[in-house]
All heavy atoms as atom14 arrays in JSON, in Angstrom:
{
  "sequence": "CAASRSIFSINTMGWYRQAPGKQRELVASITSGGS",
  "atom14_mask": [
    [1, 1, 1, 1, 1, 1, 0, 0, 0, 0, 0, 0, 0, 0],
    [1, 1, 1, 1, 1, 0, 0, 0, 0, 0, 0, 0, 0, 0],
    [1, 1, 1, 1, 1, 0, 0, 0, 0, 0, 0, 0, 0, 0],
    [1, 1, 1, 1, 1, 1, 0, 0, 0, 0, 0, 0, 0, 0],
    [1, 1, 1, 1, 1, 1, 1, 1, 1, 1, 1, 0, 0, 0],
    [1, 1, 1, 1, 1, 1, 0, 0, 0, 0, 0, 0, 0, 0],
    [1, 1, 1, 1, 1, 1, 1, 1, 0, 0, 0, 0, 0, 0],
    [1, 1, 1, 1, 1, 1, 1, 1, 1, 1, 1, 0, 0, 0],
    [1, 1, 1, 1, 1, 1, 0, 0, 0, 0, 0, 0, 0, 0],
    [1, 1, 1, 1, 1, 1, 1, 1, 0, 0, 0, 0, 0, 0],
    [1, 1, 1, 1, 1, 1, 1, 1, 0, 0, 0, 0, 0, 0],
    [1, 1, 1, 1, 1, 1, 1, 0, 0, 0, 0, 0, 0, 0],
    [1, 1, 1, 1, 1, 1, 1, 1, 0, 0, 0, 0, 0, 0],
    [1, 1, 1, 1, 0, 0, 0, 0, 0, 0, 0, 0, 0, 0],
    [1, 1, 1, 1, 1, 1, 1, 1, 1, 1, 1, 1, 1, 1],
    [1, 1, 1, 1, 1, 1, 1, 1, 1, 1, 1, 1, 0, 0],
    [1, 1, 1, 1, 1, 1, 1, 1, 1, 1, 1, 0, 0, 0],
    [1, 1, 1, 1, 1, 1, 1, 1, 1, 0, 0, 0, 0, 0],
    [1, 1, 1, 1, 1, 0, 0, 0, 0, 0, 0, 0, 0, 0],
    [1, 1, 1, 1, 1, 1, 1, 0, 0, 0, 0, 0, 0, 0],
    [1, 1, 1, 1, 0, 0, 0, 0, 0, 0, 0, 0, 0, 0],
    [1, 1, 1, 1, 1, 1, 1, 1, 1, 0, 0, 0, 0, 0],
    [1, 1, 1, 1, 1, 1, 1, 1, 1, 0, 0, 0, 0, 0],
    [1, 1, 1, 1, 1, 1, 1, 1, 1, 1, 1, 0, 0, 0],
    [1, 1, 1, 1, 1, 1, 1, 1, 1, 0, 0, 0, 0, 0],
    [1, 1, 1, 1, 1, 1, 1, 1, 0, 0, 0, 0, 0, 0],
    [1, 1, 1, 1, 1, 1, 1, 0, 0, 0, 0, 0, 0, 0],
    [1, 1, 1, 1, 1, 0, 0, 0, 0, 0, 0, 0, 0, 0],
    [1, 1, 1, 1, 1, 1, 0, 0, 0, 0, 0, 0, 0, 0],
    [1, 1, 1, 1, 1, 1, 1, 1, 0, 0, 0, 0, 0, 0],
    [1, 1, 1, 1, 1, 1, 1, 0, 0, 0, 0, 0, 0, 0],
    [1, 1, 1, 1, 1, 1, 0, 0, 0, 0, 0, 0, 0, 0],
    [1, 1, 1, 1, 0, 0, 0, 0, 0, 0, 0, 0, 0, 0],
    [1, 1, 1, 1, 0, 0, 0, 0, 0, 0, 0, 0, 0, 0],
    [1, 1, 1, 1, 1, 1, 0, 0, 0, 0, 0, 0, 0, 0]
  ],
  "atom14_positions": [
    [[-175.47, 8.91, 193.04], [-176.0, 7.96, 194.02], [-175.05, 7.89, 195.19], [-173.89, 7.48, 195.03], [-176.18, 6.58, 193.39], [-176.69, 5.3, 194.55], [0.0, 0.0, 0.0], [0.0, 0.0, 0.0], [0.0, 0.0, 0.0], [0.0, 0.0, 0.0], [0.0, 0.0, 0.0], [0.0, 0.0, 0.0], [0.0, 0.0, 0.0], [0.0, 0.0, 0.0]],
    [[-175.53, 8.29, 196.34], [-174.73, 8.28, 197.56], [-175.16, 7.12, 198.45], [-176.31, 7.08, 198.91], [-174.85, 9.6, 198.3], [0.0, 0.0, 0.0], [0.0, 0.0, 0.0], [0.0, 0.0, 0.0], [0.0, 0.0, 0.0], [0.0, 0.0, 0.0], [0.0, 0.0, 0.0], [0.0, 0.0, 0.0], [0.0, 0.0, 0.0], [0.0, 0.0, 0.0]],
    [[-174.26, 6.2, 198.68], [-174.52, 5.07, 199.56], [-174.14, 5.42, 200.98], [-173.08, 6.01, 201.23], [-173.76, 3.84, 199.1], [0.0, 0.0, 0.0], [0.0, 0.0, 0.0], [0.0, 0.0, 0.0], [0.0, 0.0, 0.0], [0.0, 0.0, 0.0], [0.0, 0.0, 0.0], [0.0, 0.0, 0.0], [0.0, 0.0, 0.0], [0.0, 0.0, 0.0]],
    [[-175.0, 5.06, 201.91], [-174.73, 5.31, 203.32], [-173.42, 4.66, 203.74], [-173.1, 3.55, 203.31], [-175.88, 4.78, 204.18], [-175.55, 4.84, 205.56], [0.0, 0.0, 0.0], [0.0, 0.0, 0.0], [0.0, 0.0, 0.0], [0.0, 0.0, 0.0], [0.0, 0.0, 0.0], [0.0, 0.0, 0.0], [0.0, 0.0, 0.0], [0.0, 0.0, 0.0]],
    [[-172.68, 5.35, 204.59], [-171.45, 4.78, 205.13], [-171.72, 3.59, 206.02], [-170.8, 2.87, 206.4], [-170.66, 5.85, 205.89], [-170.09, 6.95, 205.0], [-168.98, 6.4, 204.12], [-168.41, 7.44, 203.26], [-167.38, 7.26, 202.45], [-166.78, 6.08, 202.38], [-166.94, 8.26, 201.69], [0.0, 0.0, 0.0], [0.0, 0.0, 0.0], [0.0, 0.0, 0.0]],
    [[-173.0, 3.37, 206.34], [-173.38, 2.19, 207.11], [-173.32, 0.91, 206.29], [-173.37, -0.18, 206.85], [-174.79, 2.36, 207.69], [-174.84, 3.46, 208.58], [0.0, 0.0, 0.0], [0.0, 0.0, 0.0], [0.0, 0.0, 0.0], [0.0, 0.0, 0.0], [0.0, 0.0, 0.0], [0.0, 0.0, 0.0], [0.0, 0.0, 0.0], [0.0, 0.0, 0.0]],
    [[-173.25, 1.05, 204.97], [-173.12, -0.1, 204.09], [-171.65, -0.43, 203.93], [-170.88, 0.38, 203.41], [-173.75, 0.14, 202.72], [-175.22, 0.55, 202.87], [-173.62, -1.09, 201.84], [-175.9, 0.89, 201.56], [0.0, 0.0, 0.0], [0.0, 0.0, 0.0], [0.0, 0.0, 0.0], [0.0, 0.0, 0.0], [0.0, 0.0, 0.0], [0.0, 0.0, 0.0]],
    [[-171.26, -1.61, 204.37], [-169.86, -2.01, 204.32], [-169.62, -3.05, 203.23], [-170.53, -3.72, 202.77], [-169.42, -2.57, 205.68], [-169.54, -1.6, 206.82], [-170.54, -1.74, 207.77], [-168.64, -0.55, 206.95], [-170.65, -0.85, 208.82], [-168.74, 0.34, 208.0], [-169.75, 0.2, 208.93], [0.0, 0.0, 0.0], [0.0, 0.0, 0.0], [0.0, 0.0, 0.0]],
    [[-168.39, -3.15, 202.85], [-167.93, -4.19, 201.93], [-168.65, -4.15, 200.59], [-169.06, -5.18, 200.05], [-168.09, -5.58, 202.58], [-167.37, -5.66, 203.79], [0.0, 0.0, 0.0], [0.0, 0.0, 0.0], [0.0, 0.0, 0.0], [0.0, 0.0, 0.0], [0.0, 0.0, 0.0], [0.0, 0.0, 0.0], [0.0, 0.0, 0.0], [0.0, 0.0, 0.0]],
    [[-168.81, -2.95, 200.04], [-169.43, -2.81, 198.72], [-168.46, -3.34, 197.67], [-167.33, -2.88, 197.56], [-169.8, -1.35, 198.43], [-170.88, -0.88, 199.4], [-170.28, -1.21, 196.99], [-171.24, 0.58, 199.24], [0.0, 0.0, 0.0], [0.0, 0.0, 0.0], [0.0, 0.0, 0.0], [0.0, 0.0, 0.0], [0.0, 0.0, 0.0], [0.0, 0.0, 0.0]],
    [[-168.93, -4.29, 196.89], [-168.12, -4.87, 195.83], [-168.36, -4.19, 194.49], [-167.43, -3.86, 193.77], [-168.41, -6.37, 195.7], [-167.56, -7.03, 194.63], [-166.34, -6.86, 194.6], [-168.2, -7.8, 193.75], [0.0, 0.0, 0.0], [0.0, 0.0, 0.0], [0.0, 0.0, 0.0], [0.0, 0.0, 0.0], [0.0, 0.0, 0.0], [0.0, 0.0, 0.0]],
    [[-169.63, -3.98, 194.17], [-170.0, -3.39, 192.89], [-171.12, -2.37, 193.08], [-172.05, -2.6, 193.85], [-170.47, -4.47, 191.91], [-169.47, -5.48, 191.79], [-170.74, -3.88, 190.53], [0.0, 0.0, 0.0], [0.0, 0.0, 0.0], [0.0, 0.0, 0.0], [0.0, 0.0, 0.0], [0.0, 0.0, 0.0], [0.0, 0.0, 0.0], [0.0, 0.0, 0.0]],
    [[-171.03, -1.26, 192.37], [-172.12, -0.32, 192.29], [-172.48, -0.14, 190.82], [-171.61, -0.25, 189.94], [-171.77, 1.03, 192.91], [-171.49, 0.95, 194.4], [-171.28, 2.56, 195.2], [-172.98, 3.16, 195.19], [0.0, 0.0, 0.0], [0.0, 0.0, 0.0], [0.0, 0.0, 0.0], [0.0, 0.0, 0.0], [0.0, 0.0, 0.0], [0.0, 0.0, 0.0]],
    [[-173.74, 0.11, 190.57], [-174.16, 0.24, 189.19], [-175.49, 0.92, 189.04], [-176.14, 1.3, 190.02], [0.0, 0.0, 0.0], [0.0, 0.0, 0.0], [0.0, 0.0, 0.0], [0.0, 0.0, 0.0], [0.0, 0.0, 0.0], [0.0, 0.0, 0.0], [0.0, 0.0, 0.0], [0.0, 0.0, 0.0], [0.0, 0.0, 0.0], [0.0, 0.0, 0.0]],
    [[-175.87, 1.08, 187.78], [-177.13, 1.7, 187.42], [-177.93, 0.75, 186.54], [-177.4, 0.17, 185.58], [-176.9, 3.01, 186.67], [-176.28, 4.08, 187.5], [-174.96, 4.36, 187.65], [-176.97, 5.03, 188.32], [-174.78, 5.42, 188.5], [-176.0, 5.85, 188.93], [-178.32, 5.26, 188.59], [-176.34, 6.89, 189.79], [-178.66, 6.29, 189.46], [-177.66, 7.1, 190.04]],
    [[-179.19, 0.59, 186.87], [-180.16, -0.14, 186.07], [-181.24, 0.83, 185.61], [-181.42, 1.89, 186.19], [-180.79, -1.27, 186.88], [-179.85, -2.4, 187.25], [-178.9, -2.24, 188.27], [-179.92, -3.63, 186.61], [-178.05, -3.27, 188.62], [-179.08, -4.67, 186.96], [-178.14, -4.48, 187.96], [-177.3, -5.52, 188.31], [0.0, 0.0, 0.0], [0.0, 0.0, 0.0]],
    [[-181.96, 0.44, 184.58], [-183.09, 1.25, 184.15], [-184.22, 0.35, 183.67], [-184.0, -0.76, 183.21], [-182.69, 2.24, 183.05], [-182.35, 1.61, 181.72], [-181.87, 2.68, 180.74], [-181.56, 2.12, 179.42], [-180.99, 2.79, 178.44], [-180.67, 4.08, 178.61], [-180.76, 2.21, 177.27], [0.0, 0.0, 0.0], [0.0, 0.0, 0.0], [0.0, 0.0, 0.0]],
    [[-185.43, 0.87, 183.77], [-186.59, 0.16, 183.3], [-187.56, 1.14, 182.65], [-188.02, 2.08, 183.29], [-187.29, -0.58, 184.44], [-188.42, -1.48, 183.97], [-188.85, -2.48, 185.04], [-188.63, -2.26, 186.23], [-189.45, -3.57, 184.62], [0.0, 0.0, 0.0], [0.0, 0.0, 0.0], [0.0, 0.0, 0.0], [0.0, 0.0, 0.0], [0.0, 0.0, 0.0]],
    [[-187.83, 0.91, 181.38], [-188.78, 1.71, 180.63], [-190.14, 1.03, 180.65], [-190.23, -0.19, 180.83], [-188.3, 1.91, 179.2], [0.0, 0.0, 0.0], [0.0, 0.0, 0.0], [0.0, 0.0, 0.0], [0.0, 0.0, 0.0], [0.0, 0.0, 0.0], [0.0, 0.0, 0.0], [0.0, 0.0, 0.0], [0.0, 0.0, 0.0], [0.0, 0.0, 0.0]],
    [[-191.21, 1.79, 180.46], [-192.55, 1.19, 180.45], [-192.66, 0.06, 179.43], [-192.28, 0.23, 178.27], [-193.46, 2.36, 180.08], [-192.72, 3.57, 180.54], [-191.27, 3.26, 180.3], [0.0, 0.0, 0.0], [0.0, 0.0, 0.0], [0.0, 0.0, 0.0], [0.0, 0.0, 0.0], [0.0, 0.0, 0.0], [0.0, 0.0, 0.0], [0.0, 0.0, 0.0]],
    [[-193.16, -1.08, 179.87], [-193.35, -2.22, 179.0], [-192.09, -2.97, 178.64], [-192.14, -3.89, 177.82], [0.0, 0.0, 0.0], [0.0, 0.0, 0.0], [0.0, 0.0, 0.0], [0.0, 0.0, 0.0], [0.0, 0.0, 0.0], [0.0, 0.0, 0.0], [0.0, 0.0, 0.0], [0.0, 0.0, 0.0], [0.0, 0.0, 0.0], [0.0, 0.0, 0.0]],
    [[-190.97, -2.63, 179.24], [-189.71, -3.28, 178.93], [-189.09, -3.86, 180.2], [-189.41, -3.44, 181.31], [-188.73, -2.3, 178.28], [-189.2, -1.72, 176.96], [-188.2, -0.75, 176.38], [-186.92, -1.45, 175.97], [-185.95, -0.51, 175.31], [0.0, 0.0, 0.0], [0.0, 0.0, 0.0], [0.0, 0.0, 0.0], [0.0, 0.0, 0.0], [0.0, 0.0, 0.0]],
    [[-188.21, -4.83, 180.01], [-187.54, -5.45, 181.14], [-186.45, -4.54, 181.69], [-185.9, -3.7, 180.98], [-186.94, -6.8, 180.74], [-185.81, -6.71, 179.73], [-185.34, -8.06, 179.26], [-186.08, -8.77, 178.58], [-184.12, -8.42, 179.62], [0.0, 0.0, 0.0], [0.0, 0.0, 0.0], [0.0, 0.0, 0.0], [0.0, 0.0, 0.0], [0.0, 0.0, 0.0]],
    [[-186.15, -4.71, 182.96], [-185.07, -3.94, 183.57], [-183.74, -4.4, 183.01], [-183.5, -5.6, 182.81], [-185.09, -4.1, 185.08], [-184.08, -3.21, 185.79], [-184.26, -3.25, 187.3], [-183.98, -4.56, 187.86], [-184.0, -4.85, 189.15], [-184.31, -3.9, 190.03], [-183.74, -6.06, 189.57], [0.0, 0.0, 0.0], [0.0, 0.0, 0.0], [0.0, 0.0, 0.0]],
    [[-182.86, -3.46, 182.75], [-181.56, -3.79, 182.18], [-180.45, -3.08, 182.93], [-180.63, -1.99, 183.47], [-181.51, -3.4, 180.7], [-181.62, -1.91, 180.43], [-181.42, -1.55, 178.97], [-180.91, -2.39, 178.21], [-181.78, -0.42, 178.59], [0.0, 0.0, 0.0], [0.0, 0.0, 0.0], [0.0, 0.0, 0.0], [0.0, 0.0, 0.0], [0.0, 0.0, 0.0]],
    [[-179.3, -3.74, 182.94], [-178.1, -3.13, 183.5], [-177.57, -2.1, 182.52], [-177.34, -2.4, 181.34], [-177.04, -4.19, 183.78], [-175.68, -3.66, 184.25], [-175.8, -3.01, 185.62], [-174.66, -4.79, 184.28], [0.0, 0.0, 0.0], [0.0, 0.0, 0.0], [0.0, 0.0, 0.0], [0.0, 0.0, 0.0], [0.0, 0.0, 0.0], [0.0, 0.0, 0.0]],
    [[-177.37, -0.88, 182.99], [-176.84, 0.19, 182.17], [-175.33, 0.25, 182.28], [-174.62, 0.29, 181.27], [-177.46, 1.55, 182.55], [-176.86, 2.68, 181.72], [-178.97, 1.51, 182.4], [0.0, 0.0, 0.0], [0.0, 0.0, 0.0], [0.0, 0.0, 0.0], [0.0, 0.0, 0.0], [0.0, 0.0, 0.0], [0.0, 0.0, 0.0], [0.0, 0.0, 0.0]],
    [[-174.83, 0.29, 183.5], [-173.39, 0.38, 183.73], [-173.08, -0.06, 185.15], [-173.92, 0.07, 186.05], [-172.89, 1.81, 183.51], [0.0, 0.0, 0.0], [0.0, 0.0, 0.0], [0.0, 0.0, 0.0], [0.0, 0.0, 0.0], [0.0, 0.0, 0.0], [0.0, 0.0, 0.0], [0.0, 0.0, 0.0], [0.0, 0.0, 0.0], [0.0, 0.0, 0.0]],
    [[-171.89, -0.58, 185.35], [-171.46, -0.99, 186.67], [-169.98, -0.72, 186.84], [-169.24, -0.6, 185.85], [-171.76, -2.47, 186.93], [-171.01, -3.3, 186.06], [0.0, 0.0, 0.0], [0.0, 0.0, 0.0], [0.0, 0.0, 0.0], [0.0, 0.0, 0.0], [0.0, 0.0, 0.0], [0.0, 0.0, 0.0], [0.0, 0.0, 0.0], [0.0, 0.0, 0.0]],
    [[-169.55, -0.64, 188.08], [-168.14, -0.44, 188.39], [-167.82, -1.21, 189.66], [-168.55, -1.15, 190.64], [-167.8, 1.07, 188.52], [-166.31, 1.26, 188.75], [-168.64, 1.72, 189.61], [-165.87, 2.72, 188.58], [0.0, 0.0, 0.0], [0.0, 0.0, 0.0], [0.0, 0.0, 0.0], [0.0, 0.0, 0.0], [0.0, 0.0, 0.0], [0.0, 0.0, 0.0]],
    [[-166.73, -1.96, 189.63], [-166.33, -2.78, 190.77], [-165.44, -2.0, 191.7], [-164.98, -0.9, 191.4], [-165.59, -4.04, 190.31], [-164.31, -3.68, 189.79], [-166.39, -4.79, 189.25], [0.0, 0.0, 0.0], [0.0, 0.0, 0.0], [0.0, 0.0, 0.0], [0.0, 0.0, 0.0], [0.0, 0.0, 0.0], [0.0, 0.0, 0.0], [0.0, 0.0, 0.0]],
    [[-165.17, -2.59, 192.87], [-164.27, -1.96, 193.83], [-162.87, -1.8, 193.26], [-162.12, -0.93, 193.71], [-164.22, -2.78, 195.12], [-163.78, -4.1, 194.87], [0.0, 0.0, 0.0], [0.0, 0.0, 0.0], [0.0, 0.0, 0.0], [0.0, 0.0, 0.0], [0.0, 0.0, 0.0], [0.0, 0.0, 0.0], [0.0, 0.0, 0.0], [0.0, 0.0, 0.0]],
    [[-162.52, -2.63, 192.28], [-161.23, -2.53, 191.63], [-161.19, -1.56, 190.47], [-160.12, -1.36, 189.88], [0.0, 0.0, 0.0], [0.0, 0.0, 0.0], [0.0, 0.0, 0.0], [0.0, 0.0, 0.0], [0.0, 0.0, 0.0], [0.0, 0.0, 0.0], [0.0, 0.0, 0.0], [0.0, 0.0, 0.0], [0.0, 0.0, 0.0], [0.0, 0.0, 0.0]],
    [[-162.33, -0.98, 190.12], [-162.38, 0.0, 189.06], [-162.76, -0.53, 187.69], [-162.75, 0.24, 186.72], [0.0, 0.0, 0.0], [0.0, 0.0, 0.0], [0.0, 0.0, 0.0], [0.0, 0.0, 0.0], [0.0, 0.0, 0.0], [0.0, 0.0, 0.0], [0.0, 0.0, 0.0], [0.0, 0.0, 0.0], [0.0, 0.0, 0.0], [0.0, 0.0, 0.0]],
    [[-163.09, -1.8, 187.59], [-163.5, -2.36, 186.31], [-164.91, -1.9, 185.96], [-165.81, -1.95, 186.79], [-163.45, -3.88, 186.34], [-162.13, -4.35, 186.55], [0.0, 0.0, 0.0], [0.0, 0.0, 0.0], [0.0, 0.0, 0.0], [0.0, 0.0, 0.0], [0.0, 0.0, 0.0], [0.0, 0.0, 0.0], [0.0, 0.0, 0.0], [0.0, 0.0, 0.0]]
  ]
}
């Protein structure tokens, strides 16, 4: 996932997923500090 350099001050990036008939869930995330 490549975020445009026009987006500033990104704190967290992550991945979500949604399967048919199921709620969207957070798969993984990473903060600007590396957590």
